[in-house]
Amino acid sequence: MPGDSVTVTGSFSRGGTLNLEKLYVEATALTFEREAPACRSCGRRMKSKGGRFDYRCQECGTRSDLPEYAVVKRDLRGTRFQVPVCARRHLTEPLELEGLV
């Protein structure tokens, strides 16, 4: 996601191509997700009426135009990724041999 801090290893060719071999996620950025607000009267989640920010409770009819935002939990810190075996170069050391997995 935009804002994540990553370290990559690979090579850069003369043609301007970047060949990634490994990716290490150092830190993740806060990511928010928009969701329907909870009704102030009955506490149930409101439903969208189809407008951009137009919500209505199906139980009591209360209306709202302000959505709620929740933090998306992403547990990727310290995760290491590598390319598939078929895409590795012959000198690339797999993560299993580095003792990192």
C-alpha atoms as a PDB file:
ATOM      1  CA  MET A   1       0.000   0.000   0.000  1.00  0.00           C
ATOM      2  CA  PRO A   2       1.173   3.571  -0.471  1.00  0.00           C
ATOM      3  CA  GLY A   3       3.137   4.730   2.559  1.00  0.00           C
ATOM      4  CA  ASP A   4       4.561   1.320   3.496  1.00  0.00           C
ATOM      5  CA  SER A   5       8.281   1.128   4.166  1.00  0.00           C
ATOM      6  CA  VAL A   6       9.915  -1.716   2.225  1.00  0.00           C
ATOM      7  CA  THR A   7      13.407  -2.880   1.331  1.00  0.00           C
ATOM      8  CA  VAL A   8      13.907  -4.594  -2.013  1.00  0.00           C
ATOM      9  CA  THR A   9      16.781  -6.530  -3.522  1.00  0.00           C
ATOM     10  CA  GLY A  10      17.355  -7.196  -7.179  1.00  0.00           C
ATOM     11  CA  SER A  11      19.083  -5.724 -10.181  1.00  0.00           C
ATOM     12  CA  PHE A  12      18.713  -2.780 -12.515  1.00  0.00           C
ATOM     13  CA  SER A  13      19.372  -3.353 -16.208  1.00  0.00           C
ATOM     14  CA  ARG A  14      20.624  -0.861 -18.783  1.00  0.00           C
ATOM     15  CA  GLY A  15      17.240  -0.851 -20.506  1.00  0.00           C
ATOM     16  CA  GLY A  16      15.674   0.726 -17.426  1.00  0.00           C
ATOM     17  CA  THR A  17      14.101  -2.466 -16.104  1.00  0.00           C
ATOM     18  CA  LEU A  18      14.088  -3.186 -12.374  1.00  0.00           C
ATOM     19  CA  ASN A  19      14.210  -6.929 -11.614  1.00  0.00           C
ATOM     20  CA  LEU A  20      13.025  -7.532  -8.053  1.00  0.00           C
ATOM     21  CA  GLU A  21      14.099 -10.703  -6.290  1.00  0.00           C
ATOM     22  CA  LYS A  22      13.136 -10.152  -2.658  1.00  0.00           C
ATOM     23  CA  LEU A  23      10.916  -7.710  -0.793  1.00  0.00           C
ATOM     24  CA  TYR A  24      11.087  -7.057   2.959  1.00  0.00           C
ATOM     25  CA  VAL A  25       8.228  -5.183   4.659  1.00  0.00           C
ATOM     26  CA  GLU A  26       9.771  -2.957   7.338  1.00  0.00           C
ATOM     27  CA  ALA A  27       6.682  -0.985   8.425  1.00  0.00           C
ATOM     28  CA  THR A  28       3.099  -0.576   7.263  1.00  0.00           C
ATOM     29  CA  ALA A  29       1.166   2.657   6.914  1.00  0.00           C
ATOM     30  CA  LEU A  30      -2.171   3.231   8.622  1.00  0.00           C
ATOM     31  CA  THR A  31      -4.977   2.334   6.247  1.00  0.00           C
ATOM     32  CA  PHE A  32      -8.603   3.298   6.782  1.00  0.00           C
ATOM     33  CA  GLU A  33     -11.773   1.797   5.361  1.00  0.00           C
ATOM     34  CA  ARG A  34     -15.059   3.670   5.026  1.00  0.00           C
ATOM     35  CA  GLU A  35     -18.108   1.893   6.448  1.00  0.00           C
ATOM     36  CA  ALA A  36     -21.736   2.673   7.121  1.00  0.00           C
ATOM     37  CA  PRO A  37     -22.287   4.501  10.429  1.00  0.00           C
ATOM     38  CA  ALA A  38     -24.047   3.013  13.439  1.00  0.00           C
ATOM     39  CA  CYS A  39     -27.498   4.411  14.148  1.00  0.00           C
ATOM     40  CA  ARG A  40     -27.565   6.862  17.065  1.00  0.00           C
ATOM     41  CA  SER A  41     -31.031   5.691  18.113  1.00  0.00           C
ATOM     42  CA  CYS A  42     -30.989   1.890  17.922  1.00  0.00           C
ATOM     43  CA  GLY A  43     -27.272   1.081  17.423  1.00  0.00           C
ATOM     44  CA  ARG A  44     -27.667  -0.986  14.237  1.00  0.00           C
ATOM     45  CA  ARG A  45     -25.646  -0.327  11.086  1.00  0.00           C
ATOM     46  CA  MET A  46     -27.312   1.992   8.587  1.00  0.00           C
ATOM     47  CA  LYS A  47     -27.700   1.165   4.899  1.00  0.00           C
ATOM     48  CA  SER A  48     -26.607   3.342   2.002  1.00  0.00           C
ATOM     49  CA  LYS A  49     -29.409   5.004   0.070  1.00  0.00           C
ATOM     50  CA  GLY A  50     -27.311   5.041  -3.075  1.00  0.00           C
ATOM     51  CA  GLY A  51     -25.866   8.538  -2.760  1.00  0.00           C
ATOM     52  CA  ARG A  52     -22.253   9.274  -1.997  1.00  0.00           C
ATOM     53  CA  PHE A  53     -22.771   9.966   1.733  1.00  0.00           C
ATOM     54  CA  ASP A  54     -26.434   9.257   2.334  1.00  0.00           C
ATOM     55  CA  TYR A  55     -27.320   6.610   4.927  1.00  0.00           C
ATOM     56  CA  ARG A  56     -30.609   5.536   6.513  1.00  0.00           C
ATOM     57  CA  CYS A  57     -31.453   3.093   9.312  1.00  0.00           C
ATOM     58  CA  GLN A  58     -33.904   0.440   8.138  1.00  0.00           C
ATOM     59  CA  GLU A  59     -35.292  -0.067  11.650  1.00  0.00           C
ATOM     60  CA  CYS A  60     -36.065   3.438  12.894  1.00  0.00           C
ATOM     61  CA  GLY A  61     -35.568   5.631   9.805  1.00  0.00           C
ATOM     62  CA  THR A  62     -32.793   7.816  11.256  1.00  0.00           C
ATOM     63  CA  ARG A  63     -30.643   9.462   8.572  1.00  0.00           C
ATOM     64  CA  SER A  64     -26.983  10.379   8.504  1.00  0.00           C
ATOM     65  CA  ASP A  65     -24.602  11.883   5.984  1.00  0.00           C
ATOM     66  CA  LEU A  66     -21.340  11.089   7.806  1.00  0.00           C
ATOM     67  CA  PRO A  67     -19.674   7.700   7.280  1.00  0.00           C
ATOM     68  CA  GLU A  68     -17.440   6.048   9.877  1.00  0.00           C
ATOM     69  CA  TYR A  69     -13.835   5.091   9.247  1.00  0.00           C
ATOM     70  CA  ALA A  70     -12.193   1.996  10.714  1.00  0.00           C
ATOM     71  CA  VAL A  71      -8.494   1.154  10.810  1.00  0.00           C
ATOM     72  CA  VAL A  72      -7.642  -1.853   8.620  1.00  0.00           C
ATOM     73  CA  LYS A  73      -5.383  -4.253  10.523  1.00  0.00           C
ATOM     74  CA  ARG A  74      -2.476  -5.311   8.338  1.00  0.00           C
ATOM     75  CA  ASP A  75      -0.049  -7.691   9.988  1.00  0.00           C
ATOM     76  CA  LEU A  76       2.784  -7.638   7.442  1.00  0.00           C
ATOM     77  CA  ARG A  77       5.588  -6.105   9.477  1.00  0.00           C
ATOM     78  CA  GLY A  78       8.720  -8.214   9.202  1.00  0.00           C
ATOM     79  CA  THR A  79       7.285 -10.299   6.342  1.00  0.00           C
ATOM     80  CA  ARG A  80       9.614 -11.338   3.538  1.00  0.00           C
ATOM     81  CA  PHE A  81       8.522 -12.137  -0.007  1.00  0.00           C
ATOM     82  CA  GLN A  82      10.469 -13.654  -2.891  1.00  0.00           C
ATOM     83  CA  VAL A  83       9.777 -14.410  -6.527  1.00  0.00           C
ATOM     84  CA  PRO A  84       8.636 -17.910  -7.581  1.00  0.00           C
ATOM     85  CA  VAL A  85      11.285 -20.546  -8.281  1.00  0.00           C
ATOM     86  CA  CYS A  86      10.771 -20.312 -12.039  1.00  0.00           C
ATOM     87  CA  ALA A  87      11.630 -16.584 -11.993  1.00  0.00           C
ATOM     88  CA  ARG A  88      14.785 -16.768  -9.851  1.00  0.00           C
ATOM     89  CA  ARG A  89      18.216 -16.221 -11.263  1.00  0.00           C
ATOM     90  CA  HIS A  90      20.804 -18.929 -10.698  1.00  0.00           C
ATOM     91  CA  LEU A  91      22.726 -16.922  -8.043  1.00  0.00           C
ATOM     92  CA  THR A  92      19.741 -15.917  -5.922  1.00  0.00           C
ATOM     93  CA  GLU A  93      19.841 -17.403  -2.447  1.00  0.00           C
ATOM     94  CA  PRO A  94      16.399 -18.619  -1.307  1.00  0.00           C
ATOM     95  CA  LEU A  95      15.028 -17.340   2.005  1.00  0.00           C
ATOM     96  CA  GLU A  96      15.119 -20.899   3.384  1.00  0.00           C
ATOM     97  CA  LEU A  97      18.929 -20.981   3.066  1.00  0.00           C
ATOM     98  CA  GLU A  98      19.334 -17.512   4.563  1.00  0.00           C
ATOM     99  CA  GLY A  99      17.707 -18.735   7.772  1.00  0.00           C
ATOM    100  CA  LEU A 100      15.013 -16.068   7.543  1.00  0.00           C
ATOM    101  CA  VAL A 101      11.968 -18.312   7.155  1.00  0.00           C
END
